[in-house]
Amino acid sequence: MFQEALKDIVERTDGGIAGLVMDSSGIALDTYTKEGAPFDINTIGIEFSVVVGAIKRAAEMLDAGSAQELAVGTDRLVTIIRTLGDQYFLALAMLPDGNFGKGRYLMRTHAPKLLAEL
């Protein structure tokens, strides 16, 4: 369903490993993973769905508006998450030395098309 957009984001981002579209309850709607990826994108999405929910609630409590993007960087993985409305999010997993800016840009430009399909 979202395979073409996910593949485009992952393949055009230097260091991209995998991407997914997931609902807020942790159910993946679609995923794309490069061959030999060292991490399971479904597990990443499930674990970070809890974090996304907490950050969205915190932003609302602070009256800061709706959360749109977050990034988590570790020694071996960077995960960028972009919300798609209230119920869904787009995630990109990439290597720490990958092109973070390009990943963010591609996610931002694909988000309206993905949201329209939801």
Protein backbone atom coordinates (compact mmCIF):
# COMPACT_ATOMS: atom_id res chain seq x y z
CA MET A 1 0.00 0.00 0.00
CA PHE A 2 2.76 2.45 0.98
CA GLN A 3 5.60 0.35 -0.37
CA GLU A 4 6.65 2.71 -3.17
CA ALA A 5 6.99 5.73 -0.86
CA LEU A 6 8.82 3.75 1.83
CA LYS A 7 11.25 2.30 -0.70
CA ASP A 8 11.91 5.77 -2.13
CA ILE A 9 12.64 7.25 1.30
CA VAL A 10 14.92 4.40 2.42
CA GLU A 11 16.80 3.97 -0.87
CA ARG A 12 17.37 7.70 -1.48
CA THR A 13 18.63 8.34 2.07
CA ASP A 14 22.33 7.53 2.46
CA GLY A 15 22.51 5.09 5.36
CA GLY A 16 18.79 4.26 5.19
CA ILE A 17 17.97 0.79 6.51
CA ALA A 18 14.18 0.51 6.72
CA GLY A 19 10.94 2.44 6.91
CA LEU A 20 7.38 1.87 8.03
CA VAL A 21 3.94 3.36 8.35
CA MET A 22 2.34 2.36 11.66
CA ASP A 23 -0.76 3.18 13.64
CA SER A 24 -0.60 4.48 17.19
CA SER A 25 -1.40 1.06 18.65
CA GLY A 26 1.76 -0.46 17.15
CA ILE A 27 0.28 -2.20 14.11
CA ALA A 28 2.38 -1.77 10.97
CA LEU A 29 0.38 -0.88 7.86
CA ASP A 30 3.38 -1.36 5.58
CA THR A 31 7.16 -1.71 5.80
CA TYR A 32 10.20 -1.67 3.56
CA THR A 33 13.55 -3.09 4.64
CA LYS A 34 16.86 -3.30 2.78
CA GLU A 35 18.35 -6.75 2.44
CA GLY A 36 20.59 -7.63 5.39
CA ALA A 37 19.28 -4.90 7.70
CA PRO A 38 20.67 -5.38 11.23
CA PHE A 39 17.43 -4.27 12.93
CA ASP A 40 13.78 -5.34 12.65
CA ILE A 41 11.73 -2.29 11.65
CA ASN A 42 8.54 -3.75 13.15
CA THR A 43 10.18 -4.03 16.57
CA ILE A 44 11.54 -0.49 16.26
CA GLY A 45 8.07 0.80 15.38
CA ILE A 46 6.33 -1.04 18.21
CA GLU A 47 8.82 0.18 20.81
CA PHE A 48 8.74 3.78 19.59
CA SER A 49 4.92 3.89 19.26
CA VAL A 50 4.81 4.23 23.06
CA VAL A 51 7.33 7.08 22.93
CA VAL A 52 5.41 8.85 20.16
CA GLY A 53 2.22 8.71 22.24
CA ALA A 54 3.98 10.11 25.32
CA ILE A 55 5.58 12.96 23.37
CA LYS A 56 2.28 13.86 21.71
CA ARG A 57 0.58 14.01 25.12
CA ALA A 58 3.44 16.10 26.57
CA ALA A 59 3.26 18.59 23.69
CA GLU A 60 -0.49 18.94 24.20
CA MET A 61 -0.13 19.38 27.98
CA LEU A 62 2.43 22.13 27.38
CA ASP A 63 0.04 23.75 24.90
CA ALA A 64 2.90 23.65 22.38
CA GLY A 65 0.78 22.35 19.50
CA SER A 66 0.87 18.92 17.97
CA ALA A 67 4.13 17.00 17.78
CA GLN A 68 5.24 16.50 14.19
CA GLU A 69 8.70 14.96 14.28
CA LEU A 70 11.15 13.31 16.65
CA ALA A 71 14.49 11.61 16.32
CA VAL A 72 16.29 9.13 18.53
CA GLY A 73 19.99 8.55 17.99
CA THR A 74 22.01 5.72 19.48
CA ASP A 75 25.47 4.32 18.83
CA ARG A 76 24.20 1.99 16.10
CA LEU A 77 20.91 3.45 14.89
CA VAL A 78 19.09 6.72 14.23
CA THR A 79 15.31 6.61 14.01
CA ILE A 80 13.37 9.56 12.63
CA ILE A 81 9.62 9.60 13.21
CA ARG A 82 7.09 11.91 11.53
CA THR A 83 3.48 11.92 12.65
CA LEU A 84 0.76 11.43 10.06
CA GLY A 85 -2.32 12.93 11.65
CA ASP A 86 -3.44 11.81 15.09
CA GLN A 87 -3.34 8.05 14.60
CA TYR A 88 -0.36 7.19 12.38
CA PHE A 89 3.34 7.78 11.98
CA LEU A 90 6.12 7.29 9.45
CA ALA A 91 9.49 6.02 10.69
CA LEU A 92 12.90 5.81 9.03
CA ALA A 93 15.70 3.75 10.57
CA MET A 94 19.18 4.67 9.41
CA LEU A 95 22.84 4.28 10.26
CA PRO A 96 24.28 7.04 12.49
CA ASP A 97 26.58 8.29 9.72
CA GLY A 98 23.72 8.47 7.21
CA ASN A 99 22.27 11.64 5.71
CA PHE A 100 19.87 12.75 8.45
CA GLY A 101 18.79 15.90 6.59
CA LYS A 102 17.91 14.03 3.40
CA GLY A 103 15.89 11.49 5.38
CA ARG A 104 13.94 14.27 7.11
CA TYR A 105 13.35 16.03 3.79
CA LEU A 106 12.07 12.90 2.04
CA MET A 107 9.79 12.06 4.96
CA ARG A 108 8.40 15.60 5.01
CA THR A 109 7.71 15.63 1.27
CA HIS A 110 6.10 12.16 1.24
CA ALA A 111 3.98 12.74 4.35
CA PRO A 112 1.06 14.55 2.63
CA LYS A 113 0.71 11.78 0.03
CA LEU A 114 0.83 9.08 2.69
CA LEU A 115 -1.70 10.91 4.85
CA ALA A 116 -4.05 11.25 1.88
CA GLU A 117 -3.94 7.45 1.39
CA LEU A 118 -4.82 6.82 5.02
